[in-house]
């Protein structure tokens, strides 16, 4: 029996990352002031990598709005956020790009710098709004935000645009 193991250098492709949580409601506050809130829908935490592009955005937006993670009438996760008329709240979170391979202090070498990540975050939100067909809630890029949510299920899905599993 033969096994082929790829060297780690071939496995270092890190794409745009999202953590999607199905929520009953969620909100983001900055400095004690409410910025955005949603009812039933999705809280999307977004991490942007240095090599990300519109292709990464398009892939993750399509997957996000079409994920069948809401219950149908039989209690089976068979409906998307579009099907249930749900809301979406997107919060930037560069810590999703953390590498914990060495030591105990995370490295953020894969996170895009502000000049790259801010426009990509804004395009992600705009593309999501267009695809969803309604306004979405957002956080504030780079701000110290407090997120409150009730994770419904709980249901949490993680995706990476370069690791399409």
N, C-alpha and C. Protein backbone atom coordinates (compact mmCIF):
# COMPACT_ATOMS: atom_id res chain seq x y z
N UNK A 1 0.85 -1.17 0.00
CA UNK A 1 0.00 0.00 0.00
C UNK A 1 0.90 1.23 0.00
N UNK A 2 0.61 2.18 -0.88
CA UNK A 2 1.40 3.40 -0.99
C UNK A 2 0.58 4.59 -0.53
N UNK A 3 1.24 5.48 0.15
CA UNK A 3 0.62 6.74 0.56
C UNK A 3 1.43 7.87 -0.02
N UNK A 4 0.74 8.87 -0.54
CA UNK A 4 1.40 10.05 -1.07
C UNK A 4 1.06 11.22 -0.15
N UNK A 5 2.06 11.81 0.41
CA UNK A 5 1.86 12.93 1.32
C UNK A 5 2.41 14.19 0.67
N UNK A 6 1.57 15.22 0.56
CA UNK A 6 2.02 16.50 0.00
C UNK A 6 2.86 17.24 1.04
N UNK A 7 3.96 17.80 0.63
CA UNK A 7 4.70 18.64 1.57
C UNK A 7 3.82 19.80 2.01
N UNK A 8 4.04 20.30 3.20
CA UNK A 8 3.22 21.38 3.74
C UNK A 8 3.25 22.63 2.85
N UNK A 9 4.30 22.83 2.10
CA UNK A 9 4.36 24.02 1.25
C UNK A 9 3.27 24.01 0.20
N UNK A 10 2.75 22.85 -0.18
CA UNK A 10 1.67 22.78 -1.16
C UNK A 10 0.31 22.97 -0.51
N UNK A 11 0.24 22.95 0.81
CA UNK A 11 -1.03 23.04 1.51
C UNK A 11 -1.24 24.40 2.17
N UNK A 12 -0.44 25.37 1.83
CA UNK A 12 -0.53 26.67 2.48
C UNK A 12 -1.45 27.66 1.78
N UNK A 13 -2.29 27.21 0.89
CA UNK A 13 -3.21 28.12 0.23
C UNK A 13 -4.29 28.50 1.22
N UNK A 14 -4.34 29.76 1.55
CA UNK A 14 -5.32 30.27 2.50
C UNK A 14 -6.17 31.28 1.76
N UNK A 15 -7.47 31.02 1.73
CA UNK A 15 -8.36 31.93 1.04
C UNK A 15 -9.18 32.75 2.00
N UNK A 16 -10.09 33.48 1.43
CA UNK A 16 -11.05 34.24 2.22
C UNK A 16 -11.82 33.23 3.07
N UNK A 17 -12.01 33.58 4.33
CA UNK A 17 -12.66 32.65 5.25
C UNK A 17 -13.92 33.27 5.83
N UNK A 18 -14.93 32.42 6.00
CA UNK A 18 -16.14 32.85 6.68
C UNK A 18 -16.52 31.81 7.73
N UNK A 19 -17.06 32.32 8.82
CA UNK A 19 -17.73 31.50 9.81
C UNK A 19 -19.17 31.99 9.79
N UNK A 20 -20.07 31.08 9.47
CA UNK A 20 -21.49 31.41 9.32
C UNK A 20 -22.25 30.77 10.46
N UNK A 21 -23.01 31.60 11.19
CA UNK A 21 -23.81 31.08 12.28
C UNK A 21 -25.28 31.38 12.00
N UNK A 22 -26.10 30.34 12.09
CA UNK A 22 -27.55 30.53 11.97
C UNK A 22 -28.02 31.11 13.30
N UNK A 23 -28.70 32.26 13.22
CA UNK A 23 -29.07 32.97 14.45
C UNK A 23 -30.57 33.27 14.50
N UNK A 24 -31.08 33.35 15.73
CA UNK A 24 -32.44 33.85 15.95
C UNK A 24 -32.42 35.37 15.88
N UNK A 25 -31.34 35.95 16.39
CA UNK A 25 -31.07 37.38 16.25
C UNK A 25 -29.61 37.63 16.58
N UNK A 26 -29.09 38.75 16.06
CA UNK A 26 -27.69 39.12 16.31
C UNK A 26 -27.57 40.63 16.19
N UNK A 27 -26.57 41.17 16.88
CA UNK A 27 -26.32 42.60 16.81
C UNK A 27 -24.84 42.87 16.99
N UNK A 28 -24.42 44.04 16.52
CA UNK A 28 -23.06 44.50 16.72
C UNK A 28 -23.12 45.92 17.28
N UNK A 29 -22.36 46.13 18.34
CA UNK A 29 -22.27 47.45 18.98
C UNK A 29 -20.82 47.89 18.98
N UNK A 30 -20.64 49.20 18.91
CA UNK A 30 -19.31 49.80 18.95
C UNK A 30 -19.34 50.92 19.98
N UNK A 31 -18.49 50.82 20.98
CA UNK A 31 -18.45 51.85 22.02
C UNK A 31 -19.78 52.02 22.73
N UNK A 32 -20.52 50.93 22.91
CA UNK A 32 -21.80 50.99 23.61
C UNK A 32 -22.97 51.44 22.75
N UNK A 33 -22.72 51.73 21.48
CA UNK A 33 -23.79 52.17 20.57
C UNK A 33 -24.10 51.07 19.55
N UNK A 34 -25.39 50.78 19.39
CA UNK A 34 -25.82 49.76 18.45
C UNK A 34 -25.51 50.20 17.02
N UNK A 35 -24.78 49.38 16.28
CA UNK A 35 -24.44 49.68 14.88
C UNK A 35 -25.42 49.00 13.94
N UNK A 36 -25.66 47.68 14.15
CA UNK A 36 -26.56 46.91 13.30
C UNK A 36 -27.17 45.79 14.11
N UNK A 37 -28.37 45.38 13.69
CA UNK A 37 -28.99 44.21 14.30
C UNK A 37 -29.87 43.53 13.27
N UNK A 38 -30.02 42.22 13.44
CA UNK A 38 -30.86 41.43 12.55
C UNK A 38 -31.73 40.50 13.38
N UNK A 39 -32.79 40.01 12.74
CA UNK A 39 -33.61 38.96 13.32
C UNK A 39 -33.09 37.62 12.83
N UNK A 40 -34.00 36.71 12.54
CA UNK A 40 -33.60 35.39 12.06
C UNK A 40 -32.75 35.53 10.80
N UNK A 41 -31.65 34.79 10.78
CA UNK A 41 -30.79 34.83 9.60
C UNK A 41 -29.41 34.30 9.89
N UNK A 42 -28.41 34.98 9.30
CA UNK A 42 -27.03 34.53 9.39
C UNK A 42 -26.12 35.63 9.91
N UNK A 43 -25.28 35.28 10.86
CA UNK A 43 -24.16 36.13 11.25
C UNK A 43 -22.96 35.58 10.50
N UNK A 44 -22.32 36.43 9.70
CA UNK A 44 -21.18 36.02 8.89
C UNK A 44 -19.95 36.76 9.38
N UNK A 45 -18.98 36.02 9.90
CA UNK A 45 -17.69 36.58 10.27
C UNK A 45 -16.77 36.37 9.09
N UNK A 46 -16.09 37.44 8.63
CA UNK A 46 -15.31 37.40 7.40
C UNK A 46 -13.85 37.73 7.65
N UNK A 47 -12.97 36.85 7.19
CA UNK A 47 -11.53 37.08 7.20
C UNK A 47 -11.02 37.17 5.79
N UNK A 48 -10.24 38.21 5.48
CA UNK A 48 -9.74 38.45 4.13
C UNK A 48 -8.24 38.17 4.07
N UNK A 49 -7.85 37.37 3.06
CA UNK A 49 -6.45 37.02 2.88
C UNK A 49 -5.78 37.88 1.81
N UNK A 50 -4.47 37.87 1.81
CA UNK A 50 -3.68 38.70 0.91
C UNK A 50 -3.90 38.40 -0.57
N UNK A 51 -4.23 37.16 -0.90
CA UNK A 51 -4.38 36.76 -2.29
C UNK A 51 -5.84 36.69 -2.75
N UNK A 52 -6.75 37.23 -1.97
CA UNK A 52 -8.17 37.12 -2.30
C UNK A 52 -8.56 38.07 -3.42
N UNK A 53 -9.64 37.71 -4.13
CA UNK A 53 -10.09 38.49 -5.28
C UNK A 53 -11.62 38.41 -5.37
N UNK A 54 -12.16 38.99 -6.42
CA UNK A 54 -13.60 38.93 -6.65
C UNK A 54 -14.08 37.49 -6.82
N UNK A 55 -13.24 36.61 -7.33
CA UNK A 55 -13.61 35.20 -7.47
C UNK A 55 -13.90 34.57 -6.10
N UNK A 56 -13.08 34.92 -5.10
CA UNK A 56 -13.29 34.40 -3.75
C UNK A 56 -14.60 34.93 -3.18
N UNK A 57 -14.86 36.22 -3.42
CA UNK A 57 -16.11 36.84 -2.96
C UNK A 57 -17.30 36.15 -3.60
N UNK A 58 -17.27 36.00 -4.92
CA UNK A 58 -18.39 35.40 -5.64
C UNK A 58 -18.68 33.99 -5.14
N UNK A 59 -17.63 33.20 -4.93
CA UNK A 59 -17.80 31.83 -4.45
C UNK A 59 -18.47 31.82 -3.07
N UNK A 60 -17.94 32.61 -2.14
CA UNK A 60 -18.47 32.57 -0.77
C UNK A 60 -19.86 33.19 -0.67
N UNK A 61 -20.13 34.22 -1.43
CA UNK A 61 -21.47 34.81 -1.41
C UNK A 61 -22.50 33.81 -1.92
N UNK A 62 -22.19 33.17 -3.02
CA UNK A 62 -23.12 32.18 -3.59
C UNK A 62 -23.37 31.05 -2.60
N UNK A 63 -22.31 30.54 -1.99
CA UNK A 63 -22.46 29.46 -1.01
C UNK A 63 -23.26 29.93 0.21
N UNK A 64 -22.97 31.14 0.68
CA UNK A 64 -23.63 31.65 1.88
C UNK A 64 -25.13 31.78 1.70
N UNK A 65 -25.56 32.40 0.62
CA UNK A 65 -27.00 32.64 0.46
C UNK A 65 -27.77 31.39 0.06
N UNK A 66 -27.06 30.39 -0.42
CA UNK A 66 -27.73 29.16 -0.85
C UNK A 66 -27.58 27.99 0.12
N UNK A 67 -26.81 28.17 1.21
CA UNK A 67 -26.66 27.09 2.19
C UNK A 67 -28.02 26.71 2.74
N UNK A 68 -28.34 25.45 2.66
CA UNK A 68 -29.63 24.96 3.16
C UNK A 68 -29.46 24.54 4.62
N UNK A 69 -29.50 25.54 5.51
CA UNK A 69 -29.27 25.27 6.93
C UNK A 69 -30.43 25.75 7.81
N UNK A 70 -31.56 26.09 7.18
CA UNK A 70 -32.76 26.44 7.94
C UNK A 70 -33.77 25.30 7.79
N UNK A 71 -34.53 25.06 8.84
CA UNK A 71 -35.46 23.93 8.86
C UNK A 71 -36.66 24.15 7.94
N UNK A 72 -37.07 23.07 7.30
CA UNK A 72 -38.33 23.08 6.54
C UNK A 72 -39.45 22.68 7.49
N UNK A 73 -40.63 22.43 6.96
CA UNK A 73 -41.79 22.11 7.79
C UNK A 73 -41.65 20.78 8.53
N UNK A 74 -40.75 19.92 8.05
CA UNK A 74 -40.51 18.64 8.73
C UNK A 74 -39.33 18.69 9.70
N UNK A 75 -38.76 19.88 9.89
CA UNK A 75 -37.64 20.03 10.82
C UNK A 75 -36.30 19.61 10.24
N UNK A 76 -36.23 19.49 8.91
CA UNK A 76 -35.00 19.10 8.23
C UNK A 76 -34.34 20.36 7.67
N UNK A 77 -33.01 20.49 7.85
CA UNK A 77 -32.31 21.64 7.30
C UNK A 77 -32.32 21.54 5.78
N UNK A 78 -33.25 22.25 5.18
CA UNK A 78 -33.48 22.13 3.75
C UNK A 78 -33.79 23.48 3.09
N UNK A 79 -33.69 24.57 3.86
CA UNK A 79 -34.00 25.90 3.35
C UNK A 79 -32.81 26.83 3.50
N UNK A 80 -32.71 27.76 2.57
CA UNK A 80 -31.63 28.75 2.61
C UNK A 80 -32.13 30.03 3.29
N UNK A 81 -31.22 30.95 3.51
CA UNK A 81 -31.59 32.25 4.09
C UNK A 81 -32.54 32.99 3.15
N UNK A 82 -32.39 32.79 1.86
CA UNK A 82 -33.32 33.39 0.89
C UNK A 82 -34.70 32.78 1.06
N UNK A 83 -34.76 31.45 1.17
CA UNK A 83 -36.04 30.74 1.29
C UNK A 83 -36.84 31.21 2.51
N UNK A 84 -36.16 31.50 3.61
CA UNK A 84 -36.86 31.89 4.85
C UNK A 84 -36.99 33.40 4.98
N UNK A 85 -36.49 34.16 4.01
CA UNK A 85 -36.55 35.62 4.08
C UNK A 85 -35.71 36.18 5.21
N UNK A 86 -34.62 35.48 5.52
CA UNK A 86 -33.76 35.87 6.65
C UNK A 86 -32.86 37.06 6.35
N UNK A 87 -32.28 37.56 7.41
CA UNK A 87 -31.35 38.69 7.34
C UNK A 87 -29.92 38.20 7.44
N UNK A 88 -28.98 39.07 7.09
CA UNK A 88 -27.56 38.75 7.22
C UNK A 88 -26.83 39.92 7.85
N UNK A 89 -25.95 39.60 8.78
CA UNK A 89 -25.07 40.57 9.43
C UNK A 89 -23.64 40.12 9.16
N UNK A 90 -22.82 41.00 8.55
CA UNK A 90 -21.43 40.66 8.22
C UNK A 90 -20.50 41.49 9.09
N UNK A 91 -19.56 40.79 9.73
CA UNK A 91 -18.57 41.44 10.60
C UNK A 91 -17.18 41.01 10.16
N UNK A 92 -16.31 41.98 9.93
CA UNK A 92 -14.93 41.66 9.56
C UNK A 92 -14.21 41.11 10.79
N UNK A 93 -13.39 40.08 10.57
CA UNK A 93 -12.66 39.47 11.68
C UNK A 93 -11.34 38.91 11.17
N UNK A 94 -10.30 39.73 11.22
CA UNK A 94 -9.00 39.32 10.70
C UNK A 94 -8.43 38.13 11.45
N UNK A 95 -8.87 37.89 12.68
CA UNK A 95 -8.33 36.76 13.45
C UNK A 95 -8.71 35.41 12.85
N UNK A 96 -9.67 35.39 11.92
CA UNK A 96 -9.98 34.13 11.22
C UNK A 96 -8.81 33.68 10.36
N UNK A 97 -7.91 34.60 10.05
CA UNK A 97 -6.75 34.28 9.22
C UNK A 97 -5.56 33.80 10.04
N UNK A 98 -5.76 33.60 11.32
CA UNK A 98 -4.67 33.21 12.22
C UNK A 98 -4.05 31.87 11.83
N UNK A 99 -2.74 31.82 11.96
CA UNK A 99 -2.02 30.56 11.83
C UNK A 99 -1.48 30.23 13.22
N UNK A 100 -1.78 29.03 13.67
CA UNK A 100 -1.33 28.59 15.00
C UNK A 100 -0.33 27.45 14.89
N UNK A 101 0.29 27.35 13.73
CA UNK A 101 1.21 26.24 13.46
C UNK A 101 2.39 26.22 14.43
N UNK A 102 2.95 27.38 14.72
CA UNK A 102 4.13 27.44 15.58
C UNK A 102 3.81 28.21 16.86
N UNK A 103 4.22 27.67 17.97
CA UNK A 103 4.09 28.37 19.24
C UNK A 103 2.65 28.57 19.67
N UNK A 104 2.47 29.48 20.63
CA UNK A 104 1.15 29.74 21.19
C UNK A 104 0.61 31.12 20.84
N UNK A 105 1.41 31.92 20.16
CA UNK A 105 0.95 33.23 19.74
C UNK A 105 0.57 33.15 18.27
N UNK A 106 -0.71 33.41 17.95
CA UNK A 106 -1.13 33.30 16.55
C UNK A 106 -0.38 34.27 15.65
N UNK A 107 -0.12 33.83 14.44
CA UNK A 107 0.48 34.68 13.41
C UNK A 107 -0.63 35.08 12.44
N UNK A 108 -0.59 36.32 11.99
CA UNK A 108 -1.60 36.81 11.05
C UNK A 108 -0.97 37.12 9.70
N UNK A 109 0.05 36.36 9.36
CA UNK A 109 0.79 36.57 8.12
C UNK A 109 -0.10 36.41 6.89
N UNK A 110 -1.18 35.61 7.00
CA UNK A 110 -2.08 35.39 5.85
C UNK A 110 -3.16 36.45 5.73
N UNK A 111 -3.32 37.29 6.76
CA UNK A 111 -4.34 38.34 6.71
C UNK A 111 -3.89 39.45 5.77
N UNK A 112 -4.83 39.94 4.99
CA UNK A 112 -4.52 41.04 4.06
C UNK A 112 -4.35 42.34 4.83
N UNK A 113 -3.46 43.21 4.35
CA UNK A 113 -3.33 44.53 4.98
C UNK A 113 -4.59 45.35 4.74
N UNK A 114 -4.78 46.41 5.53
CA UNK A 114 -5.99 47.23 5.43
C UNK A 114 -6.27 47.72 4.01
N UNK A 115 -5.23 48.14 3.30
CA UNK A 115 -5.46 48.70 1.95
C UNK A 115 -6.04 47.67 0.99
N UNK A 116 -5.85 46.40 1.28
CA UNK A 116 -6.42 45.31 0.47
C UNK A 116 -7.74 44.83 1.06
N UNK A 117 -7.76 44.63 2.37
CA UNK A 117 -8.92 44.00 2.99
C UNK A 117 -10.15 44.90 3.08
N UNK A 118 -9.99 46.19 3.27
CA UNK A 118 -11.15 47.08 3.37
C UNK A 118 -11.95 47.09 2.06
N UNK A 119 -11.32 47.29 0.90
CA UNK A 119 -12.11 47.23 -0.34
C UNK A 119 -12.74 45.86 -0.59
N UNK A 120 -12.04 44.78 -0.24
CA UNK A 120 -12.61 43.44 -0.44
C UNK A 120 -13.77 43.19 0.52
N UNK A 121 -13.65 43.66 1.75
CA UNK A 121 -14.77 43.56 2.70
C UNK A 121 -15.98 44.31 2.16
N UNK A 122 -15.76 45.53 1.69
CA UNK A 122 -16.87 46.34 1.16
C UNK A 122 -17.49 45.68 -0.07
N UNK A 123 -16.65 45.10 -0.95
CA UNK A 123 -17.19 44.42 -2.14
C UNK A 123 -17.94 43.15 -1.74
N UNK A 124 -17.44 42.43 -0.74
CA UNK A 124 -18.15 41.25 -0.25
C UNK A 124 -19.56 41.66 0.21
N UNK A 125 -19.63 42.71 1.03
CA UNK A 125 -20.92 43.17 1.54
C UNK A 125 -21.84 43.63 0.42
N UNK A 126 -21.31 44.36 -0.56
CA UNK A 126 -22.11 44.85 -1.68
C UNK A 126 -22.60 43.69 -2.54
N UNK A 127 -21.74 42.72 -2.81
CA UNK A 127 -22.12 41.55 -3.61
C UNK A 127 -23.17 40.73 -2.87
N UNK A 128 -23.02 40.60 -1.57
CA UNK A 128 -23.99 39.86 -0.76
C UNK A 128 -25.35 40.56 -0.78
N UNK A 129 -25.35 41.87 -0.63
CA UNK A 129 -26.59 42.63 -0.67
C UNK A 129 -27.31 42.47 -2.01
N UNK A 130 -26.55 42.59 -3.09
CA UNK A 130 -27.13 42.43 -4.43
C UNK A 130 -27.69 41.03 -4.61
N UNK A 131 -26.95 40.03 -4.20
CA UNK A 131 -27.37 38.64 -4.37
C UNK A 131 -28.56 38.29 -3.48
N UNK A 132 -28.60 38.86 -2.28
CA UNK A 132 -29.69 38.59 -1.35
C UNK A 132 -30.94 39.37 -1.75
N UNK A 133 -30.73 40.52 -2.39
CA UNK A 133 -31.86 41.34 -2.82
C UNK A 133 -32.39 42.26 -1.75
N UNK A 134 -31.60 42.47 -0.69
CA UNK A 134 -32.01 43.42 0.35
C UNK A 134 -30.79 43.84 1.15
N UNK A 135 -30.96 44.88 1.94
CA UNK A 135 -29.85 45.41 2.75
C UNK A 135 -29.40 44.39 3.78
N UNK A 136 -28.11 44.45 4.09
CA UNK A 136 -27.56 43.61 5.15
C UNK A 136 -27.03 44.51 6.25
N UNK A 137 -26.84 43.93 7.42
CA UNK A 137 -26.21 44.65 8.52
C UNK A 137 -24.71 44.45 8.44
N UNK A 138 -23.96 45.42 8.93
CA UNK A 138 -22.50 45.31 8.94
C UNK A 138 -21.95 45.82 10.25
N UNK A 139 -20.71 45.42 10.49
CA UNK A 139 -19.95 46.00 11.58
C UNK A 139 -19.18 47.19 11.03
N UNK A 140 -18.10 47.53 11.69
CA UNK A 140 -17.24 48.61 11.22
C UNK A 140 -15.82 48.08 11.15
N UNK A 141 -15.26 48.07 9.96
CA UNK A 141 -13.95 47.48 9.75
C UNK A 141 -12.92 48.09 10.71
N UNK A 142 -12.20 47.25 11.42
CA UNK A 142 -11.12 47.68 12.31
C UNK A 142 -11.56 48.17 13.67
N UNK A 143 -12.86 48.25 13.92
CA UNK A 143 -13.35 48.74 15.21
C UNK A 143 -13.34 47.62 16.25
N UNK A 144 -13.32 48.02 17.50
CA UNK A 144 -13.49 47.09 18.62
C UNK A 144 -14.99 46.89 18.77
N UNK A 145 -15.49 45.75 18.33
CA UNK A 145 -16.93 45.51 18.28
C UNK A 145 -17.34 44.47 19.31
N UNK A 146 -18.55 44.63 19.79
CA UNK A 146 -19.15 43.65 20.68
C UNK A 146 -20.31 43.01 19.89
N UNK A 147 -20.24 41.70 19.75
CA UNK A 147 -21.23 40.96 18.99
C UNK A 147 -22.11 40.18 19.97
N UNK A 148 -23.41 40.33 19.82
CA UNK A 148 -24.35 39.53 20.59
C UNK A 148 -25.15 38.70 19.62
N UNK A 149 -25.35 37.43 19.97
CA UNK A 149 -26.11 36.56 19.10
C UNK A 149 -26.72 35.42 19.87
N UNK A 150 -27.78 34.89 19.31
CA UNK A 150 -28.33 33.63 19.77
C UNK A 150 -28.16 32.68 18.60
N UNK A 151 -27.21 31.76 18.74
CA UNK A 151 -26.93 30.77 17.71
C UNK A 151 -28.06 29.75 17.76
N UNK A 152 -28.82 29.66 16.68
CA UNK A 152 -30.00 28.82 16.59
C UNK A 152 -29.59 27.42 16.16
N UNK A 153 -29.69 26.46 17.07
CA UNK A 153 -29.38 25.07 16.74
C UNK A 153 -28.52 24.39 17.79
N UNK A 154 -27.31 24.72 17.95
CA UNK A 154 -26.49 25.67 17.20
C UNK A 154 -26.12 25.13 15.82
N UNK A 155 -26.03 26.04 14.87
CA UNK A 155 -25.56 25.72 13.53
C UNK A 155 -24.45 26.69 13.19
N UNK A 156 -23.26 26.16 12.95
CA UNK A 156 -22.09 26.97 12.59
C UNK A 156 -21.36 26.26 11.46
N UNK A 157 -21.11 27.01 10.38
CA UNK A 157 -20.44 26.46 9.19
C UNK A 157 -19.21 27.31 8.91
N UNK A 158 -18.08 26.66 8.64
CA UNK A 158 -16.84 27.36 8.29
C UNK A 158 -16.48 27.03 6.85
N UNK A 159 -16.08 28.07 6.10
CA UNK A 159 -15.68 27.87 4.72
C UNK A 159 -14.45 28.71 4.40
N UNK A 160 -13.63 28.19 3.49
CA UNK A 160 -12.44 28.86 2.99
C UNK A 160 -12.53 28.81 1.47
N UNK A 161 -12.41 29.96 0.82
CA UNK A 161 -12.61 30.02 -0.64
C UNK A 161 -11.58 29.24 -1.44
N UNK A 162 -10.45 28.92 -0.86
CA UNK A 162 -9.42 28.15 -1.56
C UNK A 162 -9.48 26.66 -1.22
N UNK A 163 -10.21 26.31 -0.18
CA UNK A 163 -10.34 24.92 0.26
C UNK A 163 -11.81 24.54 0.14
N UNK A 164 -12.22 24.19 -1.05
CA UNK A 164 -13.63 23.96 -1.36
C UNK A 164 -14.00 22.51 -1.09
N UNK A 165 -14.23 22.21 0.19
CA UNK A 165 -14.61 20.84 0.55
C UNK A 165 -16.07 20.72 0.84
